[in-house]
Amino acid sequence: MAKSVTVYEKPTPHLGLPDWYAKQWELEQSANNRITDSFELRNTARTLRNETKIRTEWDTSLNNTRLDDRVKELSKWEETASKLLNELSLEKKRLRDERAEAEKDLDSIQHPLKVAAECISMRDCRRGTELTYDEPDTELKKELTVIEGLKKTLTDKVQAAWEKLNRLEEIEFKVNLDLQDKVEAIEIDKDNCNLNRNSAIISYKPNALRIPKDSKTYDTWLEHCRYIKNLAENELKDAHTFRDIMSVMRKRARNDMEAQQDASDYALRKRIHQTQKSRNEMQWQKQKVQNELELLEKEIHRLENALINKIDIIKCAETRLENRTYRPGYELCRDEAEFGLKDEVMQLRQTKEELLGKINCSKATFNRLEQLLIQIDRNLDDKQHSLMTDIKCLDMRSSLKTGSRTRLANETDRNIILTNLEDEIPFES
């Protein structure tokens, strides 16, 4: 059959209609399966998105809360450390002031120590029988011992205060270092609290889950905080106790020194009174000895005159006896007149010897009285020197009196008190 139109077909195999229906059904089934899988995938993806969103929000919220709680906890410890730091600084200032007061007391002790030593040396210049181990000497030496003991005690306390200050500075450095670490940690955690997904400084970090080399556990951190707190509190308590003890010791030392000074002054005043009393007694004895010397000298003159008178009488009696030896013959007899004259001569000679003995005894007594008068004068001079020495000691010690213990307003009142004349001075009319 002749063809008027030329038809061209592809040189590929053509499907039959049954195959076409099969292919169409297979494509429909694939589409349905893919749609079903896509539907399930969309549902699981939606669920995952919702769950991850919720979990992320909750995790972020919880971590924000944790960071906020951590900031609050750090702030409390920061407040505690700051308070401890202020207390340490205040305690250091108080301890420095207390140490300065102790050093002033230590410096002020030098003057009483010097005065006590000079008083002992001055009283050692007393002369003769006045150079005694009396009560003022004992009290002054005791005062010197007390002051030296107080000086050593104050020196030890000043050294201990210096060591305590060094310890406080060491604790203050530790607390300050811990406080700075906490302030820095608070700033870091506050910055972390303020970070969010819209912050400009966020980025991926290499090995963000690593554990830092010097990282500590929370329990270790808490134990360290409590250790710093207890260390500072204990040191503050010890410093406060030490400062109180030091203050009490200073006051007690001052009271002991003043009490011993008063005891020494009382002993000196008492010794001055005793010396004055003894001097007055010696002056009275001197006056009596002088009066006795005058009377004895007159009596010696009388005895010598009596002896001179007895010499002529003896010459007369012996001359009578001698003249009667020239009687002649039987007239040369031992009659009553001879016996009387001999008795008179013997009596006169005995009287002469008695007068000579009495004169010699009187002269010896006179010499002894003169020697006694010299001794009394020397003793009076020693007593006057001792009296002036003790008064000079009191004058020297007047510089130790301060406050209510100052000396009297004028020398008249002072002399009245020193000589115990309050009850003997008449009232002014």
Protein backbone atom coordinates (compact mmCIF):
# COMPACT_ATOMS: atom_id res chain seq x y z
CA MET A 1 0.00 0.00 0.00
CA ALA A 2 1.36 3.24 -1.03
CA LYS A 3 2.02 5.74 1.89
CA SER A 4 1.40 9.41 1.37
CA VAL A 5 2.86 10.51 4.73
CA THR A 6 6.07 9.37 6.18
CA VAL A 7 5.88 8.62 9.89
CA TYR A 8 8.97 8.48 12.04
CA GLU A 9 9.01 6.61 15.41
CA LYS A 10 11.57 6.62 18.16
CA PRO A 11 13.77 3.66 18.04
CA THR A 12 13.04 2.81 21.66
CA PRO A 13 10.75 0.07 22.84
CA HIS A 14 7.16 1.20 23.37
CA LEU A 15 5.16 -0.02 26.35
CA GLY A 16 1.97 -1.71 26.12
CA LEU A 17 -1.16 -0.37 27.76
CA PRO A 18 -1.03 -2.85 30.62
CA ASP A 19 2.53 -1.79 31.33
CA TRP A 20 1.45 1.83 31.21
CA TYR A 21 -1.23 1.17 33.80
CA ALA A 22 1.31 -0.69 35.89
CA LYS A 23 3.74 2.17 35.72
CA GLN A 24 1.01 4.64 36.61
CA TRP A 25 -0.06 2.60 39.62
CA GLU A 26 3.54 2.22 40.78
CA LEU A 27 4.07 5.97 40.57
CA GLU A 28 0.89 6.64 42.55
CA GLN A 29 1.98 4.17 45.23
CA SER A 30 5.43 5.83 45.45
CA ALA A 31 3.85 9.24 45.77
CA ASN A 32 1.54 8.05 48.54
CA ASN A 33 4.43 6.45 50.41
CA ARG A 34 6.58 9.54 50.11
CA ILE A 35 3.74 11.75 51.25
CA THR A 36 3.13 9.47 54.25
CA ASP A 37 6.83 9.47 55.15
CA SER A 38 6.97 13.22 54.76
CA PHE A 39 3.92 13.62 56.97
CA GLU A 40 5.45 11.48 59.68
CA LEU A 41 8.74 13.32 59.32
CA ARG A 42 7.01 16.67 59.64
CA ASN A 43 5.18 15.51 62.75
CA THR A 44 8.35 14.16 64.40
CA ALA A 45 10.24 17.28 63.37
CA ARG A 46 7.54 19.50 64.88
CA THR A 47 7.62 17.41 68.06
CA LEU A 48 11.43 17.59 68.16
CA ARG A 49 11.37 21.33 67.58
CA ASN A 50 8.86 21.87 70.34
CA GLU A 51 10.64 19.57 72.75
CA THR A 52 14.08 21.03 72.08
CA LYS A 53 12.72 24.54 72.31
CA ILE A 54 11.09 23.80 75.64
CA ARG A 55 14.15 21.97 76.93
CA THR A 56 16.47 24.74 75.77
CA GLU A 57 14.30 27.43 77.36
CA TRP A 58 14.07 25.48 80.59
CA ASP A 59 17.80 24.78 80.62
CA THR A 60 18.55 28.42 79.96
CA SER A 61 16.07 29.51 82.62
CA LEU A 62 17.44 27.05 85.15
CA ASN A 63 21.02 28.04 84.42
CA ASN A 64 20.07 31.70 84.67
CA THR A 65 18.54 30.91 88.06
CA ARG A 66 21.63 28.95 89.05
CA LEU A 67 23.87 31.81 87.98
CA ASP A 68 21.67 34.29 89.85
CA ASP A 69 21.74 32.09 92.97
CA ARG A 70 25.48 31.78 92.61
CA VAL A 71 25.81 35.55 92.34
CA LYS A 72 23.69 35.95 95.49
CA GLU A 73 25.76 33.36 97.33
CA LEU A 74 28.99 35.01 96.23
CA SER A 75 27.56 38.40 97.20
CA LYS A 76 26.84 37.14 100.72
CA TRP A 77 30.37 35.81 101.05
CA GLU A 78 31.66 39.04 99.54
CA GLU A 79 29.72 41.02 102.13
CA THR A 80 31.12 38.78 104.88
CA ALA A 81 34.67 39.17 103.56
CA SER A 82 34.26 42.93 103.19
CA LYS A 83 32.96 43.18 106.77
CA LEU A 84 35.86 41.07 108.03
CA LEU A 85 38.27 43.22 106.05
CA ASN A 86 36.87 46.39 107.63
CA GLU A 87 37.01 44.83 111.09
CA LEU A 88 40.60 43.74 110.47
CA SER A 89 41.53 47.24 109.36
CA LEU A 90 39.82 48.76 112.41
CA GLU A 91 41.42 46.23 114.74
CA LYS A 92 44.82 46.98 113.22
CA LYS A 93 44.30 50.70 113.88
CA ARG A 94 43.22 50.03 117.48
CA LEU A 95 46.15 47.70 118.04
CA ARG A 96 48.55 50.26 116.56
CA ASP A 97 47.12 52.89 118.90
CA GLU A 98 47.44 50.52 121.85
CA ARG A 99 51.01 49.71 120.87
CA ALA A 100 51.75 53.44 120.52
CA GLU A 101 50.36 54.02 124.03
CA ALA A 102 52.50 51.16 125.34
CA GLU A 103 55.56 52.66 123.65
CA LYS A 104 54.74 56.03 125.23
CA ASP A 105 54.48 54.32 128.62
CA LEU A 106 57.77 52.57 127.89
CA ASP A 107 59.41 55.90 127.07
CA SER A 108 57.86 57.56 130.12
CA ILE A 109 59.27 54.82 132.37
CA GLN A 110 62.81 56.02 131.61
CA HIS A 111 62.33 59.16 133.73
CA PRO A 112 61.03 57.37 136.88
CA LEU A 113 63.77 54.77 136.42
CA LYS A 114 66.41 57.50 136.24
CA VAL A 115 64.90 59.35 139.22
CA ALA A 116 64.83 56.19 141.36
CA ALA A 117 68.45 55.39 140.50
CA GLU A 118 69.56 58.99 141.22
CA CYS A 119 67.69 58.96 144.54
CA ILE A 120 69.45 55.75 145.56
CA SER A 121 72.83 57.21 144.53
CA MET A 122 72.08 60.51 146.28
CA ARG A 123 71.05 58.81 149.53
CA ASP A 124 74.19 56.70 149.34
CA CYS A 125 76.15 59.94 149.83
CA ARG A 126 74.92 60.24 153.42
CA ARG A 127 77.65 60.32 156.03
CA GLY A 128 78.49 58.55 159.23
CA THR A 129 75.75 56.81 161.17
CA GLU A 130 73.13 58.25 158.82
CA LEU A 131 74.26 55.88 156.07
CA THR A 132 71.73 53.18 156.96
CA TYR A 133 69.67 50.50 155.27
CA ASP A 134 66.43 52.20 156.20
CA GLU A 135 62.88 51.96 154.88
CA PRO A 136 63.31 54.57 152.10
CA ASP A 137 66.36 52.69 150.86
CA THR A 138 64.35 49.47 150.74
CA GLU A 139 61.37 51.13 149.06
CA LEU A 140 63.53 52.93 146.49
CA LYS A 141 65.30 49.70 145.57
CA LYS A 142 61.95 47.96 145.41
CA GLU A 143 60.68 50.79 143.18
CA LEU A 144 63.71 50.35 140.93
CA THR A 145 63.00 46.62 140.70
CA VAL A 146 59.29 47.23 139.98
CA ILE A 147 60.05 49.76 137.24
CA GLU A 148 62.62 47.48 135.61
CA GLY A 149 60.10 44.62 135.71
CA LEU A 150 57.43 46.86 134.18
CA LYS A 151 59.90 47.96 131.52
CA LYS A 152 60.63 44.35 130.57
CA THR A 153 56.91 43.48 130.57
CA LEU A 154 56.04 46.48 128.38
CA THR A 155 58.91 45.66 126.01
CA ASP A 156 57.62 42.09 125.66
CA LYS A 157 54.08 43.34 125.08
CA VAL A 158 55.19 45.85 122.44
CA GLN A 159 57.09 43.08 120.65
CA ALA A 160 54.04 40.79 120.90
CA ALA A 161 51.83 43.61 119.56
CA TRP A 162 54.17 44.03 116.59
CA GLU A 163 53.96 40.30 115.88
CA LYS A 164 50.18 40.40 116.26
CA LEU A 165 50.02 43.30 113.77
CA ASN A 166 52.07 41.30 111.29
CA ARG A 167 49.69 38.39 111.75
CA LEU A 168 46.67 40.67 111.20
CA GLU A 169 48.26 42.06 108.05
CA GLU A 170 48.83 38.53 106.79
CA ILE A 171 45.21 37.59 107.47
CA GLU A 172 44.06 40.88 105.92
CA PHE A 173 46.04 40.08 102.77
CA LYS A 174 44.40 36.64 102.54
CA VAL A 175 40.90 38.05 103.11
CA ASN A 176 41.53 40.85 100.60
CA LEU A 177 42.77 38.36 98.01
CA ASP A 178 39.71 36.17 98.57
CA LEU A 179 37.47 39.25 98.37
CA GLN A 180 39.00 40.32 95.05
CA ASP A 181 38.52 36.79 93.66
CA LYS A 182 34.87 36.87 94.71
CA VAL A 183 34.32 40.34 93.22
CA GLU A 184 35.81 39.16 89.94
CA ALA A 185 33.76 35.95 90.02
CA ILE A 186 30.59 37.98 90.70
CA GLU A 187 31.32 40.23 87.71
CA ILE A 188 31.89 37.19 85.48
CA ASP A 189 28.68 35.49 86.59
CA LYS A 190 26.70 38.74 86.24
CA ASP A 191 27.99 39.11 82.70
CA ASN A 192 26.99 35.52 82.01
CA CYS A 193 23.51 36.23 83.38
CA ASN A 194 23.18 39.12 80.94
CA LEU A 195 24.27 37.04 77.90
CA ASN A 196 21.58 35.77 75.49
CA ARG A 197 21.33 34.62 71.89
CA ASN A 198 21.23 38.20 70.69
CA SER A 199 24.46 39.23 72.40
CA ALA A 200 27.21 40.39 70.09
CA ILE A 201 30.12 38.67 71.89
CA ILE A 202 28.91 35.09 71.72
CA SER A 203 30.76 32.60 69.56
CA TYR A 204 31.84 29.00 69.35
CA LYS A 205 34.62 28.14 71.75
CA PRO A 206 37.21 25.41 71.33
CA ASN A 207 36.79 22.62 73.86
CA ALA A 208 34.17 24.46 75.88
CA LEU A 209 33.46 21.34 77.98
CA ARG A 210 37.00 21.07 79.29
CA ILE A 211 37.65 21.15 83.04
CA PRO A 212 40.15 23.93 83.96
CA LYS A 213 43.46 22.79 85.38
CA ASP A 214 43.07 24.51 88.81
CA SER A 215 39.34 23.85 89.10
CA LYS A 216 38.01 23.04 92.59
CA THR A 217 34.89 21.27 93.73
CA TYR A 218 32.05 23.20 95.32
CA ASP A 219 32.68 21.53 98.69
CA THR A 220 36.34 22.52 98.52
CA TRP A 221 35.35 26.10 97.69
CA LEU A 222 32.84 26.23 100.52
CA GLU A 223 35.37 24.78 102.96
CA HIS A 224 37.92 27.41 101.86
CA CYS A 225 35.40 30.24 102.40
CA ARG A 226 34.56 28.95 105.85
CA TYR A 227 38.27 28.55 106.63
CA ILE A 228 39.01 32.17 105.65
CA LYS A 229 36.03 33.38 107.66
CA ASN A 230 36.95 31.36 110.77
CA LEU A 231 40.60 32.35 110.44
CA ALA A 232 39.76 36.05 110.34
CA GLU A 233 37.19 35.82 113.15
CA ASN A 234 39.55 33.86 115.40
CA GLU A 235 42.38 36.28 114.73
CA LEU A 236 40.07 39.23 115.43
CA LYS A 237 38.99 37.62 118.69
CA ASP A 238 42.60 36.93 119.67
CA ALA A 239 43.64 40.48 118.76
CA HIS A 240 40.75 41.96 120.75
CA THR A 241 41.63 39.80 123.77
CA PHE A 242 45.30 40.67 123.42
CA ARG A 243 44.48 44.38 123.19
CA ASP A 244 42.29 44.20 126.31
CA ILE A 245 45.02 42.33 128.18
CA MET A 246 47.58 44.88 127.04
CA SER A 247 45.38 47.77 128.13
CA VAL A 248 44.73 46.20 131.54
CA MET A 249 48.45 45.43 131.89
CA ARG A 250 49.36 49.04 131.09
CA LYS A 251 46.90 50.42 133.62
CA ARG A 252 47.98 47.89 136.23
CA ALA A 253 51.64 48.70 135.53
CA ARG A 254 50.93 52.41 135.91
CA ASN A 255 49.01 51.79 139.14
CA ASP A 256 51.75 49.52 140.53
CA MET A 257 54.42 52.08 139.68
CA GLU A 258 52.42 54.95 141.18
CA ALA A 259 51.65 52.88 144.28
CA GLN A 260 55.33 52.07 144.74
CA GLN A 261 56.24 55.71 144.13
CA ASP A 262 53.75 56.74 146.80
CA ALA A 263 55.22 54.12 149.15
CA SER A 264 58.74 55.46 148.47
CA ASP A 265 57.58 59.05 148.99
CA TYR A 266 55.85 58.07 152.23
CA ALA A 267 58.99 56.28 153.42
CA LEU A 268 61.08 59.36 152.56
CA ARG A 269 58.67 61.69 154.37
CA LYS A 270 58.60 59.33 157.33
CA ARG A 271 62.39 59.18 157.35
CA ILE A 272 62.56 62.98 157.09
CA HIS A 273 60.26 63.21 160.10
CA GLN A 274 62.37 60.72 162.02
CA THR A 275 65.56 62.55 161.08
CA GLN A 276 64.04 65.90 162.08
CA LYS A 277 62.89 64.43 165.36
CA SER A 278 66.32 62.91 165.97
CA ARG A 279 68.01 66.18 164.95
CA ASN A 280 65.83 68.15 167.34
CA GLU A 281 66.61 65.66 170.08
CA MET A 282 70.31 65.95 169.29
CA GLN A 283 70.09 69.73 169.35
CA TRP A 284 68.45 69.50 172.77
CA GLN A 285 71.16 67.11 173.93
CA LYS A 286 73.78 69.46 172.52
CA GLN A 287 72.26 72.35 174.44
CA LYS A 288 72.23 70.29 177.62
CA VAL A 289 75.85 69.20 177.07
CA GLN A 290 76.90 72.79 176.47
CA ASN A 291 75.13 73.89 179.61
CA GLU A 292 76.72 71.04 181.50
CA LEU A 293 80.13 71.99 180.11
CA GLU A 294 79.67 75.53 181.35
CA LEU A 295 78.61 74.32 184.79
CA LEU A 296 81.40 71.78 184.92
CA GLU A 297 83.98 74.35 183.88
CA LYS A 298 82.82 76.65 186.68
CA GLU A 299 82.92 73.75 189.11
CA ILE A 300 86.48 72.92 188.03
CA HIS A 301 87.47 76.52 188.68
CA ARG A 302 85.87 76.30 192.14
CA LEU A 303 87.68 73.02 192.85
CA GLU A 304 90.98 74.54 191.75
CA ASN A 305 90.36 77.57 193.96
CA ALA A 306 89.48 75.28 196.84
CA LEU A 307 92.71 73.33 196.23
CA ILE A 308 94.71 76.54 196.21
CA ASN A 309 93.08 77.53 199.49
CA LYS A 310 93.91 74.13 200.98
CA ILE A 311 97.61 74.50 200.05
CA ASP A 312 98.17 77.46 202.39
CA ILE A 313 96.25 75.74 205.16
CA ILE A 314 98.38 72.61 204.72
CA LYS A 315 101.53 74.73 204.77
CA CYS A 316 100.33 76.37 207.97
CA ALA A 317 99.54 73.06 209.68
CA GLU A 318 102.83 71.46 208.64
CA THR A 319 104.70 74.57 209.71
CA ARG A 320 103.08 74.31 213.16
CA LEU A 321 104.08 70.69 213.43
CA GLU A 322 107.61 71.50 212.30
CA ASN A 323 107.89 74.39 214.76
CA ARG A 324 106.74 72.20 217.68
CA THR A 325 109.58 69.75 217.00
CA TYR A 326 111.94 72.39 218.36
CA ARG A 327 110.42 72.27 221.83
CA PRO A 328 113.13 71.62 224.49
CA GLY A 329 113.45 68.69 226.93
CA TYR A 330 110.40 67.12 228.27
CA GLU A 331 108.31 69.70 226.51
CA LEU A 332 108.81 67.72 223.34
CA CYS A 333 105.89 65.47 223.98
CA ARG A 334 103.05 64.11 221.86
CA ASP A 335 100.26 66.03 223.40
CA GLU A 336 96.73 66.64 222.20
CA ALA A 337 97.82 69.60 220.14
CA GLU A 338 100.33 67.43 218.24
CA PHE A 339 97.72 64.76 217.67
CA GLY A 340 95.25 67.38 216.56
CA LEU A 341 97.75 69.00 214.19
CA LYS A 342 98.76 65.64 212.74
CA ASP A 343 95.11 64.72 212.25
CA GLU A 344 94.58 68.09 210.60
CA VAL A 345 97.59 67.56 208.26
CA MET A 346 96.47 64.08 207.37
CA GLN A 347 92.93 65.31 206.84
CA LEU A 348 94.18 68.20 204.72
CA ARG A 349 96.41 65.92 202.67
CA GLN A 350 93.47 63.56 202.13
CA THR A 351 91.30 66.51 201.22
CA LYS A 352 93.99 67.69 198.78
CA GLU A 353 94.13 64.26 197.19
CA GLU A 354 90.36 64.14 197.01
CA LEU A 355 90.26 67.59 195.44
CA LEU A 356 93.01 66.66 192.96
CA GLY A 357 91.14 63.45 192.12
CA LYS A 358 87.90 65.32 191.72
CA ILE A 359 89.61 67.95 189.56
CA ASN A 360 91.19 65.29 187.36
CA CYS A 361 87.88 63.43 187.16
CA SER A 362 86.06 66.67 186.34
CA LYS A 363 88.62 67.54 183.65
CA ALA A 364 88.31 64.03 182.20
CA THR A 365 84.55 64.39 182.27
CA PHE A 366 84.90 67.81 180.70
CA ASN A 367 87.09 66.35 177.96
CA ARG A 368 84.62 63.54 177.38
CA LEU A 369 81.79 66.06 177.22
CA GLU A 370 83.79 68.08 174.71
CA GLN A 371 84.38 64.93 172.63
CA LEU A 372 80.68 64.10 172.98
CA LEU A 373 79.85 67.64 171.86
CA ILE A 374 82.08 67.18 168.83
CA GLN A 375 80.36 63.87 168.08
CA ILE A 376 76.97 65.53 168.54
CA ASP A 377 77.97 68.36 166.20
CA ARG A 378 79.23 65.86 163.65
CA ASN A 379 76.06 63.80 164.07
CA LEU A 380 73.94 66.92 163.72
CA ASP A 381 75.83 67.84 160.58
CA ASP A 382 75.31 64.30 159.24
CA LYS A 383 71.64 64.46 160.14
CA GLN A 384 71.27 67.85 158.48
CA HIS A 385 73.04 66.50 155.40
CA SER A 386 70.80 63.41 155.44
CA LEU A 387 67.74 65.60 155.92
CA MET A 388 68.67 67.81 152.99
CA THR A 389 69.46 64.73 150.92
CA ASP A 390 66.02 63.22 151.57
CA ILE A 391 64.32 66.56 150.89
CA LYS A 392 66.24 66.84 147.63
CA CYS A 393 65.08 63.33 146.80
CA LEU A 394 61.49 64.41 147.41
CA ASP A 395 62.02 67.51 145.27
CA MET A 396 63.52 65.38 142.53
CA ARG A 397 60.61 62.95 142.75
CA SER A 398 58.05 65.74 142.50
CA SER A 399 58.41 65.55 138.71
CA LEU A 400 56.87 62.06 138.91
CA LYS A 401 53.58 63.46 140.18
CA THR A 402 50.95 64.03 137.51
CA GLY A 403 47.26 64.77 137.56
CA SER A 404 45.76 64.53 141.04
CA ARG A 405 49.16 63.50 142.40
CA THR A 406 50.79 66.88 141.68
CA ARG A 407 52.71 68.69 144.39
CA LEU A 408 51.19 71.32 146.66
CA ALA A 409 50.61 74.87 145.48
CA ASN A 410 53.50 76.52 147.38
CA GLU A 411 56.58 75.64 149.41
CA THR A 412 55.01 76.84 152.67
CA ASP A 413 52.24 74.25 152.50
CA ARG A 414 54.80 71.67 151.48
CA ASN A 415 57.06 72.45 154.45
CA ILE A 416 54.08 72.39 156.78
CA ILE A 417 53.17 68.92 155.54
CA LEU A 418 56.78 67.70 155.65
CA THR A 419 57.33 68.89 159.22
CA ASN A 420 53.88 67.82 160.48
CA LEU A 421 53.03 71.28 161.80
CA GLU A 422 49.41 71.38 160.66
CA ASP A 423 48.10 71.19 164.24
CA GLU A 424 50.69 73.59 165.69
CA ILE A 425 50.15 76.58 163.39
CA PRO A 426 47.62 79.04 164.91
CA PHE A 427 44.60 80.00 162.91
CA GLU A 428 44.61 83.37 161.20
CA SER A 429 42.38 85.89 162.96
